[in-house]
PDB file of N, CA and C in Angstrom:
ATOM      1  N   UNK A   1      -0.623 -17.713 -11.853  1.00  0.00           N
ATOM      2  CA  UNK A   1      -1.387 -17.978 -10.792  1.00  0.00           C
ATOM      3  C   UNK A   1      -2.394 -18.086 -11.153  1.00  0.00           C
ATOM      4  N   UNK A   2      -3.125 -18.875  -9.520  1.00  0.00           N
ATOM      5  CA  UNK A   2      -4.478 -19.238 -10.197  1.00  0.00           C
ATOM      6  C   UNK A   2      -5.423 -18.089  -9.477  1.00  0.00           C
ATOM      7  N   UNK A   3      -6.639 -17.564  -9.611  1.00  0.00           N
ATOM      8  CA  UNK A   3      -7.321 -16.814  -8.887  1.00  0.00           C
ATOM      9  C   UNK A   3      -7.371 -16.837  -7.838  1.00  0.00           C
ATOM     10  N   UNK A   4      -7.230 -17.859  -6.879  1.00  0.00           N
ATOM     11  CA  UNK A   4      -7.210 -18.447  -5.434  1.00  0.00           C
ATOM     12  C   UNK A   4      -5.734 -17.916  -4.943  1.00  0.00           C
ATOM     13  N   UNK A   5      -4.515 -17.632  -5.588  1.00  0.00           N
ATOM     14  CA  UNK A   5      -3.507 -17.088  -5.176  1.00  0.00           C
ATOM     15  C   UNK A   5      -3.532 -15.504  -5.458  1.00  0.00           C
ATOM     16  N   UNK A   6      -3.959 -15.405  -6.299  1.00  0.00           N
ATOM     17  CA  UNK A   6      -4.096 -13.853  -6.733  1.00  0.00           C
ATOM     18  C   UNK A   6      -5.021 -12.946  -5.536  1.00  0.00           C
ATOM     19  N   UNK A   7      -6.235 -13.789  -5.407  1.00  0.00           N
ATOM     20  CA  UNK A   7      -7.061 -12.872  -4.369  1.00  0.00           C
ATOM     21  C   UNK A   7      -5.978 -13.272  -3.306  1.00  0.00           C
ATOM     22  N   UNK A   8      -5.459 -14.667  -2.657  1.00  0.00           N
ATOM     23  CA  UNK A   8      -4.570 -13.658  -1.902  1.00  0.00           C
ATOM     24  C   UNK A   8      -3.699 -13.128  -1.462  1.00  0.00           C
ATOM     25  N   UNK A   9      -2.593 -12.836  -2.690  1.00  0.00           N
ATOM     26  CA  UNK A   9      -1.820 -11.925  -2.669  1.00  0.00           C
ATOM     27  C   UNK A   9      -2.584 -10.713  -2.555  1.00  0.00           C
ATOM     28  N   UNK A  10      -3.677 -10.072  -2.742  1.00  0.00           N
ATOM     29  CA  UNK A  10      -4.284  -8.591  -3.421  1.00  0.00           C
ATOM     30  C   UNK A  10      -4.444  -8.112  -2.071  1.00  0.00           C
ATOM     31  N   UNK A  11      -5.034  -9.555  -1.265  1.00  0.00           N
ATOM     32  CA  UNK A  11      -5.818  -9.282  -0.076  1.00  0.00           C
ATOM     33  C   UNK A  11      -4.532  -8.957   0.623  1.00  0.00           C
ATOM     34  N   UNK A  12      -3.872  -9.310   1.051  1.00  0.00           N
ATOM     35  CA  UNK A  12      -2.418  -9.460   1.245  1.00  0.00           C
ATOM     36  C   UNK A  12      -1.700  -8.353   1.586  1.00  0.00           C
ATOM     37  N   UNK A  13      -1.549  -7.645   0.192  1.00  0.00           N
ATOM     38  CA  UNK A  13      -0.490  -6.520   0.278  1.00  0.00           C
ATOM     39  C   UNK A  13      -1.473  -5.548   0.505  1.00  0.00           C
ATOM     40  N   UNK A  14      -3.046  -5.700   0.584  1.00  0.00           N
ATOM     41  CA  UNK A  14      -3.918  -4.434   1.175  1.00  0.00           C
ATOM     42  C   UNK A  14      -3.615  -4.365   2.616  1.00  0.00           C
ATOM     43  N   UNK A  15      -3.869  -5.635   3.178  1.00  0.00           N
ATOM     44  CA  UNK A  15      -3.756  -5.158   4.421  1.00  0.00           C
ATOM     45  C   UNK A  15      -2.062  -4.614   5.193  1.00  0.00           C
ATOM     46  N   UNK A  16      -1.726  -5.422   4.291  1.00  0.00           N
ATOM     47  CA  UNK A  16      -0.069  -4.782   4.753  1.00  0.00           C
ATOM     48  C   UNK A  16      -0.125  -3.113   4.437  1.00  0.00           C
ATOM     49  N   UNK A  17      -0.870  -2.674   3.611  1.00  0.00           N
ATOM     50  CA  UNK A  17      -0.672  -1.113   3.422  1.00  0.00           C
ATOM     51  C   UNK A  17      -1.699  -0.508   4.485  1.00  0.00           C
ATOM     52  N   UNK A  18      -2.913  -1.051   4.422  1.00  0.00           N
ATOM     53  CA  UNK A  18      -3.485  -0.396   5.121  1.00  0.00           C
ATOM     54  C   UNK A  18      -2.419  -0.305   6.348  1.00  0.00           C
ATOM     55  N   UNK A  19      -2.639  -1.444   7.089  1.00  0.00           N
ATOM     56  CA  UNK A  19      -1.463  -1.323   8.476  1.00  0.00           C
ATOM     57  C   UNK A  19      -0.325  -0.269   8.326  1.00  0.00           C
ATOM     58  N   UNK A  20       0.109  -0.086   7.446  1.00  0.00           N
ATOM     59  CA  UNK A  20       0.768   0.861   7.341  1.00  0.00           C
ATOM     60  C   UNK A  20       0.866   2.439   7.167  1.00  0.00           C
ATOM     61  N   UNK A  21      -0.227   2.913   6.378  1.00  0.00           N
ATOM     62  CA  UNK A  21      -0.652   3.646   6.188  1.00  0.00           C
ATOM     63  C   UNK A  21      -1.995   4.523   7.050  1.00  0.00           C
ATOM     64  N   UNK A  22      -2.121   3.478   8.011  1.00  0.00           N
ATOM     65  CA  UNK A  22      -3.715   3.799   8.938  1.00  0.00           C
ATOM     66  C   UNK A  22      -3.496   3.343   9.695  1.00  0.00           C
ATOM     67  N   UNK A  23      -2.168   3.344  10.793  1.00  0.00           N
ATOM     68  CA  UNK A  23      -1.958   2.897  12.197  1.00  0.00           C
ATOM     69  C   UNK A  23      -2.860   2.978  13.299  1.00  0.00           C
ATOM     70  N   UNK A  24      -4.293   4.488  13.089  1.00  0.00           N
ATOM     71  CA  UNK A  24      -5.238   4.593  13.862  1.00  0.00           C
ATOM     72  C   UNK A  24      -6.130   3.638  13.955  1.00  0.00           C
ATOM     73  N   UNK A  25      -6.471   2.474  12.851  1.00  0.00           N
ATOM     74  CA  UNK A  25      -7.245   1.371  12.550  1.00  0.00           C
ATOM     75  C   UNK A  25      -6.952  -0.242  13.400  1.00  0.00           C
ATOM     76  N   UNK A  26      -7.651  -0.730  13.913  1.00  0.00           N
ATOM     77  CA  UNK A  26      -7.427  -2.114  13.796  1.00  0.00           C
ATOM     78  C   UNK A  26      -8.171  -2.957  12.893  1.00  0.00           C
ATOM     79  N   UNK A  27      -7.394  -3.712  12.654  1.00  0.00           N
ATOM     80  CA  UNK A  27      -8.204  -4.989  11.810  1.00  0.00           C
ATOM     81  C   UNK A  27      -8.697  -5.841  12.154  1.00  0.00           C
ATOM     82  N   UNK A  28     -10.129  -6.037  12.644  1.00  0.00           N
ATOM     83  CA  UNK A  28     -10.796  -7.367  12.962  1.00  0.00           C
ATOM     84  C   UNK A  28     -11.158  -8.302  11.732  1.00  0.00           C
ATOM     85  N   UNK A  29     -11.391  -9.890  11.830  1.00  0.00           N
ATOM     86  CA  UNK A  29     -11.240 -10.335  10.836  1.00  0.00           C
ATOM     87  C   UNK A  29     -13.091 -10.719  11.077  1.00  0.00           C
ATOM     88  N   UNK A  30     -13.737 -10.448  10.491  1.00  0.00           N
ATOM     89  CA  UNK A  30     -15.025 -11.246  10.644  1.00  0.00           C
ATOM     90  C   UNK A  30     -15.294 -12.569  10.764  1.00  0.00           C
ATOM     91  N   UNK A  31     -14.582 -13.726  10.092  1.00  0.00           N
ATOM     92  CA  UNK A  31     -14.988 -14.882   9.982  1.00  0.00           C
ATOM     93  C   UNK A  31     -15.709 -14.993   8.724  1.00  0.00           C
ATOM     94  N   UNK A  32     -16.505 -13.905   8.193  1.00  0.00           N
ATOM     95  CA  UNK A  32     -17.519 -14.572   7.308  1.00  0.00           C
ATOM     96  C   UNK A  32     -17.156 -13.685   5.666  1.00  0.00           C
ATOM     97  N   UNK A  33     -15.580 -13.193   5.093  1.00  0.00           N
ATOM     98  CA  UNK A  33     -15.570 -13.096   3.926  1.00  0.00           C
ATOM     99  C   UNK A  33     -14.865 -11.433   3.632  1.00  0.00           C
ATOM    100  N   UNK A  34     -15.249 -10.526   5.497  1.00  0.00           N
ATOM    101  CA  UNK A  34     -15.148  -9.097   5.717  1.00  0.00           C
ATOM    102  C   UNK A  34     -13.814  -8.978   6.465  1.00  0.00           C
ATOM    103  N   UNK A  35     -13.116  -7.732   6.430  1.00  0.00           N
ATOM    104  CA  UNK A  35     -12.591  -7.587   7.498  1.00  0.00           C
ATOM    105  C   UNK A  35     -12.691  -5.874   8.118  1.00  0.00           C
ATOM    106  N   UNK A  36     -12.693  -5.592   9.149  1.00  0.00           N
ATOM    107  CA  UNK A  36     -13.208  -4.604   9.946  1.00  0.00           C
ATOM    108  C   UNK A  36     -11.999  -3.996  10.079  1.00  0.00           C
ATOM    109  N   UNK A  37     -12.123  -2.712   9.815  1.00  0.00           N
ATOM    110  CA  UNK A  37     -11.019  -1.546  10.605  1.00  0.00           C
ATOM    111  C   UNK A  37     -11.839  -0.957  11.284  1.00  0.00           C
ATOM    112  N   UNK A  38     -11.589  -0.595  12.294  1.00  0.00           N
ATOM    113  CA  UNK A  38     -12.300  -0.067  13.162  1.00  0.00           C
ATOM    114  C   UNK A  38     -11.374   0.795  14.050  1.00  0.00           C
ATOM    115  N   UNK A  39     -12.112   2.286  14.016  1.00  0.00           N
ATOM    116  CA  UNK A  39     -10.898   3.056  14.433  1.00  0.00           C
ATOM    117  C   UNK A  39     -10.171   2.999  16.271  1.00  0.00           C
ATOM    118  N   UNK A  40      -9.704   3.887  16.237  1.00  0.00           N
ATOM    119  CA  UNK A  40      -8.727   3.264  18.006  1.00  0.00           C
ATOM    120  C   UNK A  40      -9.859   5.230  18.402  1.00  0.00           C
ATOM    121  N   UNK A  41     -10.103   5.477  17.797  1.00  0.00           N
ATOM    122  CA  UNK A  41     -10.244   6.913  18.073  1.00  0.00           C
ATOM    123  C   UNK A  41     -11.036   7.673  17.182  1.00  0.00           C
ATOM    124  N   UNK A  42     -11.607   8.282  17.334  1.00  0.00           N
ATOM    125  CA  UNK A  42     -12.474   9.453  16.231  1.00  0.00           C
ATOM    126  C   UNK A  42     -11.906  11.196  17.499  1.00  0.00           C
ATOM    127  N   UNK A  43     -11.825  12.131  16.066  1.00  0.00           N
ATOM    128  CA  UNK A  43     -11.538  13.395  16.786  1.00  0.00           C
ATOM    129  C   UNK A  43     -12.633  13.782  16.316  1.00  0.00           C
ATOM    130  N   UNK A  44     -13.638  13.888  16.660  1.00  0.00           N
ATOM    131  CA  UNK A  44     -14.893  14.493  16.644  1.00  0.00           C
ATOM    132  C   UNK A  44     -15.850  14.268  17.494  1.00  0.00           C
ATOM    133  N   UNK A  45     -15.546  13.482  18.361  1.00  0.00           N
ATOM    134  CA  UNK A  45     -15.974  12.625  19.345  1.00  0.00           C
ATOM    135  C   UNK A  45     -17.843  11.907  18.907  1.00  0.00           C
ATOM    136  N   UNK A  46     -17.713  11.640  17.413  1.00  0.00           N
ATOM    137  CA  UNK A  46     -18.460  10.653  16.952  1.00  0.00           C
ATOM    138  C   UNK A  46     -17.579   9.380  17.817  1.00  0.00           C
ATOM    139  N   UNK A  47     -19.076   8.425  17.536  1.00  0.00           N
ATOM    140  CA  UNK A  47     -19.141   7.037  18.026  1.00  0.00           C
ATOM    141  C   UNK A  47     -18.066   6.060  17.141  1.00  0.00           C
ATOM    142  N   UNK A  48     -17.168   5.426  17.473  1.00  0.00           N
ATOM    143  CA  UNK A  48     -15.877   4.836  16.597  1.00  0.00           C
ATOM    144  C   UNK A  48     -16.850   3.493  15.770  1.00  0.00           C
ATOM    145  N   UNK A  49     -17.882   2.965  16.297  1.00  0.00           N
ATOM    146  CA  UNK A  49     -18.615   1.950  15.641  1.00  0.00           C
ATOM    147  C   UNK A  49     -19.059   2.525  14.399  1.00  0.00           C
ATOM    148  N   UNK A  50     -19.548   4.001  14.390  1.00  0.00           N
ATOM    149  CA  UNK A  50     -19.820   4.548  12.934  1.00  0.00           C
ATOM    150  C   UNK A  50     -18.958   4.811  12.272  1.00  0.00           C
ATOM    151  N   UNK A  51     -17.658   4.483  12.461  1.00  0.00           N
ATOM    152  CA  UNK A  51     -16.587   4.964  11.495  1.00  0.00           C
ATOM    153  C   UNK A  51     -16.266   3.824  11.239  1.00  0.00           C
ATOM    154  N   UNK A  52     -16.659   2.570  11.228  1.00  0.00           N
ATOM    155  CA  UNK A  52     -15.835   1.197  11.033  1.00  0.00           C
ATOM    156  C   UNK A  52     -15.909   1.131   9.368  1.00  0.00           C
ATOM    157  N   UNK A  53     -14.773   0.394   8.655  1.00  0.00           N
ATOM    158  CA  UNK A  53     -14.946   0.595   7.238  1.00  0.00           C
ATOM    159  C   UNK A  53     -15.207  -1.368   7.414  1.00  0.00           C
ATOM    160  N   UNK A  54     -15.919  -1.586   6.541  1.00  0.00           N
ATOM    161  CA  UNK A  54     -15.651  -2.987   6.282  1.00  0.00           C
ATOM    162  C   UNK A  54     -15.141  -3.313   4.663  1.00  0.00           C
ATOM    163  N   UNK A  55     -14.397  -4.705   4.801  1.00  0.00           N
ATOM    164  CA  UNK A  55     -13.587  -4.572   3.569  1.00  0.00           C
ATOM    165  C   UNK A  55     -14.098  -6.036   2.928  1.00  0.00           C
ATOM    166  N   UNK A  56     -15.229  -6.397   1.698  1.00  0.00           N
ATOM    167  CA  UNK A  56     -14.942  -7.769   1.367  1.00  0.00           C
ATOM    168  C   UNK A  56     -13.865  -8.223   0.858  1.00  0.00           C
ATOM    169  N   UNK A  57     -13.529  -9.452   1.262  1.00  0.00           N
ATOM    170  CA  UNK A  57     -12.360 -10.321   0.557  1.00  0.00           C
ATOM    171  C   UNK A  57     -12.271 -10.730  -0.911  1.00  0.00           C
ATOM    172  N   UNK A  58     -13.332 -11.308  -1.126  1.00  0.00           N
ATOM    173  CA  UNK A  58     -13.997 -11.689  -2.890  1.00  0.00           C
ATOM    174  C   UNK A  58     -14.472 -10.673  -3.572  1.00  0.00           C
ATOM    175  N   UNK A  59     -15.073  -9.478  -3.155  1.00  0.00           N
ATOM    176  CA  UNK A  59     -15.522  -8.799  -3.973  1.00  0.00           C
ATOM    177  C   UNK A  59     -14.548  -7.165  -4.019  1.00  0.00           C
ATOM    178  N   UNK A  60     -13.925  -7.472  -3.320  1.00  0.00           N
ATOM    179  CA  UNK A  60     -12.930  -6.139  -3.112  1.00  0.00           C
ATOM    180  C   UNK A  60     -13.428  -4.658  -2.901  1.00  0.00           C
ATOM    181  N   UNK A  61     -14.882  -5.127  -2.041  1.00  0.00           N
ATOM    182  CA  UNK A  61     -15.092  -3.306  -2.200  1.00  0.00           C
ATOM    183  C   UNK A  61     -14.951  -2.953  -0.273  1.00  0.00           C
ATOM    184  N   UNK A  62     -15.467  -1.366  -0.451  1.00  0.00           N
ATOM    185  CA  UNK A  62     -15.646  -1.078   1.065  1.00  0.00           C
ATOM    186  C   UNK A  62     -16.766  -0.957   1.375  1.00  0.00           C
ATOM    187  N   UNK A  63     -17.237  -0.640   2.226  1.00  0.00           N
ATOM    188  CA  UNK A  63     -18.136  -0.162   3.312  1.00  0.00           C
ATOM    189  C   UNK A  63     -18.275   0.421   4.084  1.00  0.00           C
ATOM    190  N   UNK A  64     -18.713   1.642   4.207  1.00  0.00           N
ATOM    191  CA  UNK A  64     -19.023   2.355   5.833  1.00  0.00           C
ATOM    192  C   UNK A  64     -20.210   3.141   6.087  1.00  0.00           C
ATOM    193  N   UNK A  65     -20.838   3.259   6.893  1.00  0.00           N
ATOM    194  CA  UNK A  65     -21.924   4.088   7.006  1.00  0.00           C
ATOM    195  C   UNK A  65     -21.995   5.382   6.247  1.00  0.00           C
ATOM    196  N   UNK A  66     -23.425   5.573   5.745  1.00  0.00           N
ATOM    197  CA  UNK A  66     -23.367   7.186   5.251  1.00  0.00           C
ATOM    198  C   UNK A  66     -22.653   8.659   6.314  1.00  0.00           C
ATOM    199  N   UNK A  67     -23.080   8.454   7.512  1.00  0.00           N
ATOM    200  CA  UNK A  67     -22.992   9.421   8.673  1.00  0.00           C
ATOM    201  C   UNK A  67     -21.231   8.731   8.998  1.00  0.00           C
ATOM    202  N   UNK A  68     -20.851   8.604   8.431  1.00  0.00           N
ATOM    203  CA  UNK A  68     -18.916   8.474   9.346  1.00  0.00           C
ATOM    204  C   UNK A  68     -18.957  10.060   8.940  1.00  0.00           C
ATOM    205  N   UNK A  69     -17.872  10.110   9.599  1.00  0.00           N
ATOM    206  CA  UNK A  69     -17.381  11.259   9.858  1.00  0.00           C
ATOM    207  C   UNK A  69     -16.064  11.817   8.879  1.00  0.00           C
ATOM    208  N   UNK A  70     -15.941  13.157   8.432  1.00  0.00           N
ATOM    209  CA  UNK A  70     -14.852  13.506   7.378  1.00  0.00           C
ATOM    210  C   UNK A  70     -13.926  12.404   7.397  1.00  0.00           C
ATOM    211  N   UNK A  71     -12.733  12.261   8.515  1.00  0.00           N
ATOM    212  CA  UNK A  71     -11.891  11.668   8.494  1.00  0.00           C
ATOM    213  C   UNK A  71     -11.763  10.366   7.706  1.00  0.00           C
ATOM    214  N   UNK A  72     -12.708   9.685   8.615  1.00  0.00           N
ATOM    215  CA  UNK A  72     -13.272   7.990   7.905  1.00  0.00           C
ATOM    216  C   UNK A  72     -13.739   8.104   6.022  1.00  0.00           C
ATOM    217  N   UNK A  73     -14.375   9.594   6.314  1.00  0.00           N
ATOM    218  CA  UNK A  73     -14.387   9.303   4.632  1.00  0.00           C
ATOM    219  C   UNK A  73     -13.511   9.604   3.731  1.00  0.00           C
ATOM    220  N   UNK A  74     -12.613  10.877   3.901  1.00  0.00           N
ATOM    221  CA  UNK A  74     -11.176  10.080   3.387  1.00  0.00           C
ATOM    222  C   UNK A  74     -10.796   9.150   3.627  1.00  0.00           C
ATOM    223  N   UNK A  75     -10.086   8.466   4.611  1.00  0.00           N
ATOM    224  CA  UNK A  75      -9.697   7.343   4.425  1.00  0.00           C
ATOM    225  C   UNK A  75     -10.403   6.105   3.875  1.00  0.00           C
ATOM    226  N   UNK A  76     -11.845   5.952   3.349  1.00  0.00           N
ATOM    227  CA  UNK A  76     -12.158   4.979   3.001  1.00  0.00           C
ATOM    228  C   UNK A  76     -12.031   5.661   1.198  1.00  0.00           C
ATOM    229  N   UNK A  77     -12.163   6.751   0.842  1.00  0.00           N
ATOM    230  CA  UNK A  77     -11.514   7.136  -0.718  1.00  0.00           C
ATOM    231  C   UNK A  77     -10.127   6.469  -1.257  1.00  0.00           C
ATOM    232  N   UNK A  78      -9.021   6.700  -0.143  1.00  0.00           N
ATOM    233  CA  UNK A  78      -7.645   6.426   0.211  1.00  0.00           C
ATOM    234  C   UNK A  78      -8.001   4.881  -0.504  1.00  0.00           C
ATOM    235  N   UNK A  79      -8.323   4.074   0.810  1.00  0.00           N
ATOM    236  CA  UNK A  79      -8.143   2.776   0.448  1.00  0.00           C
ATOM    237  C   UNK A  79      -8.847   2.015  -0.400  1.00  0.00           C
ATOM    238  N   UNK A  80      -9.797   2.928  -1.082  1.00  0.00           N
ATOM    239  CA  UNK A  80     -10.391   2.738  -2.650  1.00  0.00           C
ATOM    240  C   UNK A  80      -9.200   2.578  -3.558  1.00  0.00           C
ATOM    241  N   UNK A  81      -8.422   3.380  -3.281  1.00  0.00           N
ATOM    242  CA  UNK A  81      -7.161   3.893  -4.649  1.00  0.00           C
ATOM    243  C   UNK A  81      -6.564   2.859  -4.267  1.00  0.00           C
ATOM    244  N   UNK A  82      -6.182   2.336  -3.151  1.00  0.00           N
ATOM    245  CA  UNK A  82      -5.263   1.666  -2.690  1.00  0.00           C
ATOM    246  C   UNK A  82      -5.523   0.129  -3.463  1.00  0.00           C
ATOM    247  N   UNK A  83      -6.771  -0.375  -3.238  1.00  0.00           N
ATOM    248  CA  UNK A  83      -7.627  -1.530  -3.528  1.00  0.00           C
ATOM    249  C   UNK A  83      -7.637  -1.486  -5.142  1.00  0.00           C
ATOM    250  N   UNK A  84      -7.559  -0.297  -5.975  1.00  0.00           N
ATOM    251  CA  UNK A  84      -7.954   0.427  -6.891  1.00  0.00           C
ATOM    252  C   UNK A  84      -6.739  -0.513  -7.918  1.00  0.00           C
ATOM    253  N   UNK A  85      -5.650   0.165  -7.372  1.00  0.00           N
ATOM    254  CA  UNK A  85      -4.051  -0.176  -7.698  1.00  0.00           C
ATOM    255  C   UNK A  85      -3.893  -1.569  -7.812  1.00  0.00           C
ATOM    256  N   UNK A  86      -3.870  -2.293  -6.948  1.00  0.00           N
ATOM    257  CA  UNK A  86      -3.754  -3.195  -7.057  1.00  0.00           C
ATOM    258  C   UNK A  86      -4.222  -4.171  -7.931  1.00  0.00           C
ATOM    259  N   UNK A  87      -5.901  -4.041  -7.813  1.00  0.00           N
ATOM    260  CA  UNK A  87      -6.685  -4.631  -9.165  1.00  0.00           C
ATOM    261  C   UNK A  87      -5.929  -4.494  -9.991  1.00  0.00           C
ATOM    262  N   UNK A  88      -5.092  -3.464 -10.408  1.00  0.00           N
ATOM    263  CA  UNK A  88      -4.996  -3.126 -11.960  1.00  0.00           C
ATOM    264  C   UNK A  88      -3.693  -3.525 -12.027  1.00  0.00           C
ATOM    265  N   UNK A  89      -2.726  -3.835 -10.794  1.00  0.00           N
ATOM    266  CA  UNK A  89      -1.520  -4.631 -10.999  1.00  0.00           C
ATOM    267  C   UNK A  89      -1.368  -5.748 -11.391  1.00  0.00           C
ATOM    268  N   UNK A  90      -2.269  -6.556 -10.810  1.00  0.00           N
ATOM    269  CA  UNK A  90      -2.616  -8.037 -10.832  1.00  0.00           C
ATOM    270  C   UNK A  90      -4.005  -7.993 -12.239  1.00  0.00           C
ATOM    271  N   UNK A  91      -4.341  -7.350 -12.705  1.00  0.00           N
ATOM    272  CA  UNK A  91      -5.430  -7.250 -13.996  1.00  0.00           C
ATOM    273  C   UNK A  91      -6.440  -8.195 -13.649  1.00  0.00           C
ATOM    274  N   UNK A  92      -7.442  -7.731 -12.192  1.00  0.00           N
ATOM    275  CA  UNK A  92      -8.353  -8.362 -11.773  1.00  0.00           C
ATOM    276  C   UNK A  92      -9.498  -7.606 -12.652  1.00  0.00           C
TER     277      UNK A  92
END
């Protein structure tokens, strides 16, 4: 497979896994190489926008605000584990 094909497979599998394991997040393609995962609610009353997670398609990185709540922090770590597992699987 070419690098472009591998990238498509990794991103596709990552998005499928996130949709399956994290139904509380809606995905929004920013059109600039990033996908935002926006929670439909927060359990602690914090702002939804403060708890958004962004995934960068080509760098395979995840970002979120430092002041995110504990649920988002836990989800961010778990999503990071998913992407790392896919990167190992495809030797990237």
